[in-house]
Amino acid sequence: MTGAIRIAIVDDHPLFREGVTRSLSEIGGFEVVGEGATAQDAERIAAAAQPDILLLDISMPGGGLAAVAAILASYPAQKIVMLTVSEANADVTGALNAGVRGYVLKGVGSRTLADILRDVAAGESYLSPTLSARLLSDLQSARPADAAADRLRQLTGRQKEILRLVAEGLSNKEVALRLALQEKTVKHHMTGVLSKLNVRNRTEAALMMRELRDRDWDR
């Protein structure tokens, strides 16, 4: 996308909001178009400012997940990233199931956060790596390994190649550069991957692949 990425920040700690605003301003390429402290503020800002990305905390008056549900019901294209200290599985899966584009822990560095926001603005999704193992454990208990392996074997060679790179943390653009493909071609293959694996997003697809990486699933 061209121009500054328009960000709104909703968190009930003013000093934290100020710190994020200052960091993004110093890095450049971002414009903070709204700030708030409650779920009601988040809904109001989404309607009035229509930011490219809305940064929300889970723990705020009114509830961050409640705000996500209300906002996406009215504005389904709104990109939302949770920026929170919560590592609870229920919060992570609740946010992802609700439709957020990213789940970021507050310990992240400012430049890493800026990179994540750029990727989300470009259409990518993000989950903090430290949370992946926990979700992987949930997937292992909920999905029989043999059934997951069968789904993975349905992928074409190119789809497997792309999924391996996605599981390493590469964005669609980075995968395209690595494989000398068009980015739209990578997106097309990932759509096929999600359909064949019967998962909701690239994060779940990558976790499934990691779950079975020691199994001989690509024969």
C-alpha atoms as a PDB file:
ATOM      1  CA  MET A   1       0.000   0.000   0.000  1.00  0.00           C
ATOM      2  CA  THR A   2       1.150   3.568  -0.559  1.00  0.00           C
ATOM      3  CA  GLY A   3       1.343   6.390   1.980  1.00  0.00           C
ATOM      4  CA  ALA A   4       1.511   6.161   5.745  1.00  0.00           C
ATOM      5  CA  ILE A   5      -0.238   3.252   7.443  1.00  0.00           C
ATOM      6  CA  ARG A   6      -3.072   4.676   9.544  1.00  0.00           C
ATOM      7  CA  ILE A   7      -3.077   3.178  13.032  1.00  0.00           C
ATOM      8  CA  ALA A   8      -5.451   3.523  15.971  1.00  0.00           C
ATOM      9  CA  ILE A   9      -4.431   2.361  19.460  1.00  0.00           C
ATOM     10  CA  VAL A  10      -6.906   1.345  22.162  1.00  0.00           C
ATOM     11  CA  ASP A  11      -5.398   0.450  25.534  1.00  0.00           C
ATOM     12  CA  ASP A  12      -6.383   1.587  29.023  1.00  0.00           C
ATOM     13  CA  HIS A  13      -2.783   2.494  29.938  1.00  0.00           C
ATOM     14  CA  PRO A  14      -2.045   6.012  28.630  1.00  0.00           C
ATOM     15  CA  LEU A  15       1.722   5.657  29.037  1.00  0.00           C
ATOM     16  CA  PHE A  16       1.706   2.529  26.895  1.00  0.00           C
ATOM     17  CA  ARG A  17      -0.319   4.253  24.180  1.00  0.00           C
ATOM     18  CA  GLU A  18       2.084   7.176  24.235  1.00  0.00           C
ATOM     19  CA  GLY A  19       5.072   4.846  23.964  1.00  0.00           C
ATOM     20  CA  VAL A  20       3.658   3.008  20.942  1.00  0.00           C
ATOM     21  CA  THR A  21       2.713   6.284  19.268  1.00  0.00           C
ATOM     22  CA  ARG A  22       6.158   7.768  19.846  1.00  0.00           C
ATOM     23  CA  SER A  23       7.971   4.637  18.643  1.00  0.00           C
ATOM     24  CA  LEU A  24       5.971   4.372  15.426  1.00  0.00           C
ATOM     25  CA  SER A  25       6.388   8.094  14.754  1.00  0.00           C
ATOM     26  CA  GLU A  26      10.160   7.817  15.153  1.00  0.00           C
ATOM     27  CA  ILE A  27      10.331   4.814  12.811  1.00  0.00           C
ATOM     28  CA  GLY A  28       8.201   6.561  10.202  1.00  0.00           C
ATOM     29  CA  GLY A  29       5.611   5.382   7.744  1.00  0.00           C
ATOM     30  CA  PHE A  30       2.778   5.365  10.279  1.00  0.00           C
ATOM     31  CA  GLU A  31       0.094   7.849  11.240  1.00  0.00           C
ATOM     32  CA  VAL A  32      -1.790   7.441  14.519  1.00  0.00           C
ATOM     33  CA  VAL A  33      -5.337   8.554  13.771  1.00  0.00           C
ATOM     34  CA  GLY A  34      -7.053   7.634  17.024  1.00  0.00           C
ATOM     35  CA  GLU A  35      -6.531   6.629  20.639  1.00  0.00           C
ATOM     36  CA  GLY A  36      -8.856   5.216  23.260  1.00  0.00           C
ATOM     37  CA  ALA A  37      -9.089   3.182  26.446  1.00  0.00           C
ATOM     38  CA  THR A  38     -12.292   1.120  26.251  1.00  0.00           C
ATOM     39  CA  ALA A  39     -14.187  -1.252  23.974  1.00  0.00           C
ATOM     40  CA  GLN A  40     -16.641   1.558  23.324  1.00  0.00           C
ATOM     41  CA  ASP A  41     -13.757   3.806  22.272  1.00  0.00           C
ATOM     42  CA  ALA A  42     -12.565   1.098  19.872  1.00  0.00           C
ATOM     43  CA  GLU A  43     -15.989   0.849  18.239  1.00  0.00           C
ATOM     44  CA  ARG A  44     -16.249   4.637  17.957  1.00  0.00           C
ATOM     45  CA  ILE A  45     -12.764   4.982  16.450  1.00  0.00           C
ATOM     46  CA  ALA A  46     -13.363   2.170  13.962  1.00  0.00           C
ATOM     47  CA  ALA A  47     -16.497   3.947  12.749  1.00  0.00           C
ATOM     48  CA  ALA A  48     -15.124   7.492  12.712  1.00  0.00           C
ATOM     49  CA  ALA A  49     -11.463   7.091  11.710  1.00  0.00           C
ATOM     50  CA  GLN A  50     -11.571   3.817   9.730  1.00  0.00           C
ATOM     51  CA  PRO A  51      -7.880   3.112  10.388  1.00  0.00           C
ATOM     52  CA  ASP A  52      -5.880   0.677   8.290  1.00  0.00           C
ATOM     53  CA  ILE A  53      -5.095  -1.245  11.487  1.00  0.00           C
ATOM     54  CA  LEU A  54      -6.716  -1.104  14.905  1.00  0.00           C
ATOM     55  CA  LEU A  55      -4.418  -2.113  17.774  1.00  0.00           C
ATOM     56  CA  LEU A  56      -6.379  -3.455  20.747  1.00  0.00           C
ATOM     57  CA  ASP A  57      -5.552  -4.824  24.169  1.00  0.00           C
ATOM     58  CA  ILE A  58      -7.599  -7.790  25.371  1.00  0.00           C
ATOM     59  CA  SER A  59      -7.838  -6.504  28.955  1.00  0.00           C
ATOM     60  CA  MET A  60      -9.698  -3.202  28.787  1.00  0.00           C
ATOM     61  CA  PRO A  61     -13.020  -1.906  30.092  1.00  0.00           C
ATOM     62  CA  GLY A  62     -15.715  -3.560  28.004  1.00  0.00           C
ATOM     63  CA  GLY A  63     -13.365  -6.321  26.842  1.00  0.00           C
ATOM     64  CA  GLY A  64     -11.096  -6.432  23.813  1.00  0.00           C
ATOM     65  CA  LEU A  65     -12.702  -9.552  22.328  1.00  0.00           C
ATOM     66  CA  ALA A  66     -16.161  -8.013  22.675  1.00  0.00           C
ATOM     67  CA  ALA A  67     -14.870  -4.990  20.773  1.00  0.00           C
ATOM     68  CA  VAL A  68     -13.488  -7.233  18.016  1.00  0.00           C
ATOM     69  CA  ALA A  69     -16.836  -8.966  17.562  1.00  0.00           C
ATOM     70  CA  ALA A  70     -18.784  -5.715  17.449  1.00  0.00           C
ATOM     71  CA  ILE A  71     -16.378  -3.987  15.062  1.00  0.00           C
ATOM     72  CA  LEU A  72     -16.066  -6.862  12.602  1.00  0.00           C
ATOM     73  CA  ALA A  73     -19.837  -7.320  12.576  1.00  0.00           C
ATOM     74  CA  SER A  74     -20.152  -3.775  11.223  1.00  0.00           C
ATOM     75  CA  TYR A  75     -16.817  -3.471   9.406  1.00  0.00           C
ATOM     76  CA  PRO A  76     -15.703  -6.978   8.343  1.00  0.00           C
ATOM     77  CA  ALA A  77     -12.720  -5.636   6.376  1.00  0.00           C
ATOM     78  CA  GLN A  78     -11.230  -3.845   9.386  1.00  0.00           C
ATOM     79  CA  LYS A  79      -7.773  -5.202  10.206  1.00  0.00           C
ATOM     80  CA  ILE A  80      -7.367  -5.735  13.954  1.00  0.00           C
ATOM     81  CA  VAL A  81      -4.190  -6.682  15.806  1.00  0.00           C
ATOM     82  CA  MET A  82      -4.268  -7.629  19.477  1.00  0.00           C
ATOM     83  CA  LEU A  83      -1.308  -6.166  21.391  1.00  0.00           C
ATOM     84  CA  THR A  84      -1.485  -7.673  24.855  1.00  0.00           C
ATOM     85  CA  VAL A  85       0.330  -9.390  27.711  1.00  0.00           C
ATOM     86  CA  SER A  86      -2.119 -12.296  27.726  1.00  0.00           C
ATOM     87  CA  GLU A  87      -0.661 -15.645  26.675  1.00  0.00           C
ATOM     88  CA  ALA A  88      -3.761 -17.594  27.699  1.00  0.00           C
ATOM     89  CA  ASN A  89      -4.780 -20.151  25.079  1.00  0.00           C
ATOM     90  CA  ALA A  90      -8.424 -19.120  25.437  1.00  0.00           C
ATOM     91  CA  ASP A  91      -7.556 -15.512  24.605  1.00  0.00           C
ATOM     92  CA  VAL A  92      -5.339 -16.456  21.651  1.00  0.00           C
ATOM     93  CA  THR A  93      -7.798 -18.879  20.080  1.00  0.00           C
ATOM     94  CA  GLY A  94     -10.709 -16.592  20.883  1.00  0.00           C
ATOM     95  CA  ALA A  95      -9.032 -13.691  19.109  1.00  0.00           C
ATOM     96  CA  LEU A  96      -8.038 -15.755  16.066  1.00  0.00           C
ATOM     97  CA  ASN A  97     -11.498 -17.289  15.797  1.00  0.00           C
ATOM     98  CA  ALA A  98     -13.054 -13.829  16.063  1.00  0.00           C
ATOM     99  CA  GLY A  99     -11.116 -12.717  12.998  1.00  0.00           C
ATOM    100  CA  VAL A 100      -8.134 -10.683  14.194  1.00  0.00           C
ATOM    101  CA  ARG A 101      -5.223 -10.412  11.772  1.00  0.00           C
ATOM    102  CA  GLY A 102      -2.502 -10.544  14.417  1.00  0.00           C
ATOM    103  CA  TYR A 103      -1.801 -11.500  18.023  1.00  0.00           C
ATOM    104  CA  VAL A 104       1.299  -9.773  19.414  1.00  0.00           C
ATOM    105  CA  LEU A 105       2.745  -9.859  22.925  1.00  0.00           C
ATOM    106  CA  LYS A 106       3.651  -6.530  24.494  1.00  0.00           C
ATOM    107  CA  GLY A 107       7.278  -7.502  25.004  1.00  0.00           C
ATOM    108  CA  VAL A 108       7.882  -7.076  21.270  1.00  0.00           C
ATOM    109  CA  GLY A 109      10.427  -4.474  20.139  1.00  0.00           C
ATOM    110  CA  SER A 110       9.252  -1.343  18.363  1.00  0.00           C
ATOM    111  CA  ARG A 111      10.896  -2.180  15.030  1.00  0.00           C
ATOM    112  CA  THR A 112       9.527  -5.711  15.103  1.00  0.00           C
ATOM    113  CA  LEU A 113       6.085  -4.287  15.812  1.00  0.00           C
ATOM    114  CA  ALA A 114       6.481  -1.919  12.865  1.00  0.00           C
ATOM    115  CA  ASP A 115       7.406  -4.853  10.594  1.00  0.00           C
ATOM    116  CA  ILE A 116       4.384  -6.824  11.813  1.00  0.00           C
ATOM    117  CA  LEU A 117       2.054  -3.890  11.154  1.00  0.00           C
ATOM    118  CA  ARG A 118       3.451  -3.441   7.651  1.00  0.00           C
ATOM    119  CA  ASP A 119       2.855  -7.134   6.919  1.00  0.00           C
ATOM    120  CA  VAL A 120      -0.694  -6.996   8.287  1.00  0.00           C
ATOM    121  CA  ALA A 121      -1.419  -3.872   6.256  1.00  0.00           C
ATOM    122  CA  ALA A 122      -0.228  -5.794   3.183  1.00  0.00           C
ATOM    123  CA  GLY A 123      -2.677  -8.607   3.902  1.00  0.00           C
ATOM    124  CA  GLU A 124      -0.585 -11.002   6.012  1.00  0.00           C
ATOM    125  CA  SER A 125      -1.458 -12.419   9.436  1.00  0.00           C
ATOM    126  CA  TYR A 126       0.799 -12.793  12.471  1.00  0.00           C
ATOM    127  CA  LEU A 127       0.998 -14.852  15.653  1.00  0.00           C
ATOM    128  CA  SER A 128       3.778 -14.376  18.204  1.00  0.00           C
ATOM    129  CA  PRO A 129       6.160 -17.357  17.836  1.00  0.00           C
ATOM    130  CA  THR A 130       6.179 -18.036  21.578  1.00  0.00           C
ATOM    131  CA  LEU A 131       2.474 -18.869  21.373  1.00  0.00           C
ATOM    132  CA  SER A 132       2.786 -21.323  18.485  1.00  0.00           C
ATOM    133  CA  ALA A 133       3.870 -24.266  20.631  1.00  0.00           C
ATOM    134  CA  ARG A 134       0.830 -23.883  22.851  1.00  0.00           C
ATOM    135  CA  LEU A 135      -1.554 -23.801  19.916  1.00  0.00           C
ATOM    136  CA  LEU A 136       0.299 -26.745  18.406  1.00  0.00           C
ATOM    137  CA  SER A 137      -0.404 -28.729  21.561  1.00  0.00           C
ATOM    138  CA  ASP A 138      -4.103 -27.913  21.222  1.00  0.00           C
ATOM    139  CA  LEU A 139      -4.106 -28.959  17.586  1.00  0.00           C
ATOM    140  CA  GLN A 140      -2.411 -32.251  18.442  1.00  0.00           C
ATOM    141  CA  SER A 141      -5.087 -33.115  20.956  1.00  0.00           C
ATOM    142  CA  ALA A 142      -7.941 -32.002  18.713  1.00  0.00           C
ATOM    143  CA  ARG A 143      -6.770 -33.451  15.397  1.00  0.00           C
ATOM    144  CA  PRO A 144      -5.590 -37.085  15.003  1.00  0.00           C
ATOM    145  CA  ALA A 145      -2.065 -37.162  13.589  1.00  0.00           C
ATOM    146  CA  ASP A 146      -2.926 -39.700  10.881  1.00  0.00           C
ATOM    147  CA  ALA A 147      -5.814 -37.583   9.591  1.00  0.00           C
ATOM    148  CA  ALA A 148      -3.582 -34.492   9.505  1.00  0.00           C
ATOM    149  CA  ALA A 149      -0.881 -36.432   7.657  1.00  0.00           C
ATOM    150  CA  ASP A 150      -3.429 -37.611   5.089  1.00  0.00           C
ATOM    151  CA  ARG A 151      -4.459 -34.025   4.415  1.00  0.00           C
ATOM    152  CA  LEU A 152      -0.869 -32.904   4.039  1.00  0.00           C
ATOM    153  CA  ARG A 153      -0.228 -35.678   1.525  1.00  0.00           C
ATOM    154  CA  GLN A 154      -2.959 -34.194  -0.667  1.00  0.00           C
ATOM    155  CA  LEU A 155      -0.846 -31.107  -1.298  1.00  0.00           C
ATOM    156  CA  THR A 156       1.021 -30.726  -4.554  1.00  0.00           C
ATOM    157  CA  GLY A 157       4.802 -30.468  -4.540  1.00  0.00           C
ATOM    158  CA  ARG A 158       4.639 -26.695  -5.015  1.00  0.00           C
ATOM    159  CA  GLN A 159       2.079 -26.319  -2.233  1.00  0.00           C
ATOM    160  CA  LYS A 160       4.293 -28.303   0.147  1.00  0.00           C
ATOM    161  CA  GLU A 161       7.284 -26.175  -0.808  1.00  0.00           C
ATOM    162  CA  ILE A 162       5.385 -22.962  -0.136  1.00  0.00           C
ATOM    163  CA  LEU A 163       3.908 -24.244   3.129  1.00  0.00           C
ATOM    164  CA  ARG A 164       7.362 -25.205   4.445  1.00  0.00           C
ATOM    165  CA  LEU A 165       8.556 -21.625   3.866  1.00  0.00           C
ATOM    166  CA  VAL A 166       5.418 -20.175   5.452  1.00  0.00           C
ATOM    167  CA  ALA A 167       6.048 -22.412   8.484  1.00  0.00           C
ATOM    168  CA  GLU A 168       9.519 -20.879   8.723  1.00  0.00           C
ATOM    169  CA  GLY A 169       7.833 -17.502   9.174  1.00  0.00           C
ATOM    170  CA  LEU A 170       8.174 -16.087   5.650  1.00  0.00           C
ATOM    171  CA  SER A 171       5.477 -13.769   4.296  1.00  0.00           C
ATOM    172  CA  ASN A 172       3.883 -14.337   0.902  1.00  0.00           C
ATOM    173  CA  LYS A 173       6.156 -11.686  -0.576  1.00  0.00           C
ATOM    174  CA  GLU A 174       9.257 -13.346   0.880  1.00  0.00           C
ATOM    175  CA  VAL A 175       8.135 -16.762  -0.351  1.00  0.00           C
ATOM    176  CA  ALA A 176       7.600 -15.311  -3.823  1.00  0.00           C
ATOM    177  CA  LEU A 177      11.128 -13.861  -3.848  1.00  0.00           C
ATOM    178  CA  ARG A 178      12.646 -17.117  -2.577  1.00  0.00           C
ATOM    179  CA  LEU A 179      10.907 -19.202  -5.250  1.00  0.00           C
ATOM    180  CA  ALA A 180      11.000 -16.629  -8.078  1.00  0.00           C
ATOM    181  CA  LEU A 181       7.193 -16.535  -8.276  1.00  0.00           C
ATOM    182  CA  GLN A 182       4.609 -13.782  -8.458  1.00  0.00           C
ATOM    183  CA  GLU A 183       3.163 -12.902  -5.042  1.00  0.00           C
ATOM    184  CA  LYS A 184      -0.355 -13.491  -6.410  1.00  0.00           C
ATOM    185  CA  THR A 185       0.741 -17.002  -7.427  1.00  0.00           C
ATOM    186  CA  VAL A 186       1.844 -17.716  -3.854  1.00  0.00           C
ATOM    187  CA  LYS A 187      -1.493 -16.425  -2.541  1.00  0.00           C
ATOM    188  CA  HIS A 188      -3.318 -18.682  -5.010  1.00  0.00           C
ATOM    189  CA  HIS A 189      -1.351 -21.730  -3.821  1.00  0.00           C
ATOM    190  CA  MET A 190      -1.978 -20.834  -0.152  1.00  0.00           C
ATOM    191  CA  THR A 191      -5.720 -20.664  -0.833  1.00  0.00           C
ATOM    192  CA  GLY A 192      -5.480 -24.235  -2.127  1.00  0.00           C
ATOM    193  CA  VAL A 193      -3.444 -25.279   0.919  1.00  0.00           C
ATOM    194  CA  LEU A 194      -6.035 -23.910   3.353  1.00  0.00           C
ATOM    195  CA  SER A 195      -8.834 -25.663   1.463  1.00  0.00           C
ATOM    196  CA  LYS A 196      -7.097 -29.056   1.339  1.00  0.00           C
ATOM    197  CA  LEU A 197      -6.029 -28.927   4.984  1.00  0.00           C
ATOM    198  CA  ASN A 198      -9.440 -27.658   6.121  1.00  0.00           C
ATOM    199  CA  VAL A 199      -7.914 -24.927   8.272  1.00  0.00           C
ATOM    200  CA  ARG A 200      -8.922 -21.300   8.690  1.00  0.00           C
ATOM    201  CA  ASN A 201      -5.661 -19.452   8.174  1.00  0.00           C
ATOM    202  CA  ARG A 202      -1.962 -19.753   7.328  1.00  0.00           C
ATOM    203  CA  THR A 203      -1.029 -19.964  11.015  1.00  0.00           C
ATOM    204  CA  GLU A 204      -3.027 -23.175  11.492  1.00  0.00           C
ATOM    205  CA  ALA A 205      -1.615 -24.577   8.246  1.00  0.00           C
ATOM    206  CA  ALA A 206       1.947 -23.876   9.390  1.00  0.00           C
ATOM    207  CA  LEU A 207       1.276 -25.392  12.803  1.00  0.00           C
ATOM    208  CA  MET A 208      -0.105 -28.554  11.206  1.00  0.00           C
ATOM    209  CA  MET A 209       3.002 -28.857   9.059  1.00  0.00           C
ATOM    210  CA  ARG A 210       5.301 -28.375  12.065  1.00  0.00           C
ATOM    211  CA  GLU A 211       3.292 -30.931  14.025  1.00  0.00           C
ATOM    212  CA  LEU A 212       4.147 -33.606  11.466  1.00  0.00           C
ATOM    213  CA  ARG A 213       7.531 -32.419  10.232  1.00  0.00           C
ATOM    214  CA  ASP A 214       9.214 -35.502  11.659  1.00  0.00           C
ATOM    215  CA  ARG A 215       6.746 -37.795   9.902  1.00  0.00           C
ATOM    216  CA  ASP A 216       7.247 -38.919   6.318  1.00  0.00           C
ATOM    217  CA  TRP A 217       4.070 -37.164   5.101  1.00  0.00           C
ATOM    218  CA  ASP A 218       5.249 -36.117   1.669  1.00  0.00           C
ATOM    219  CA  ARG A 219       5.631 -39.559   0.074  1.00  0.00           C
END
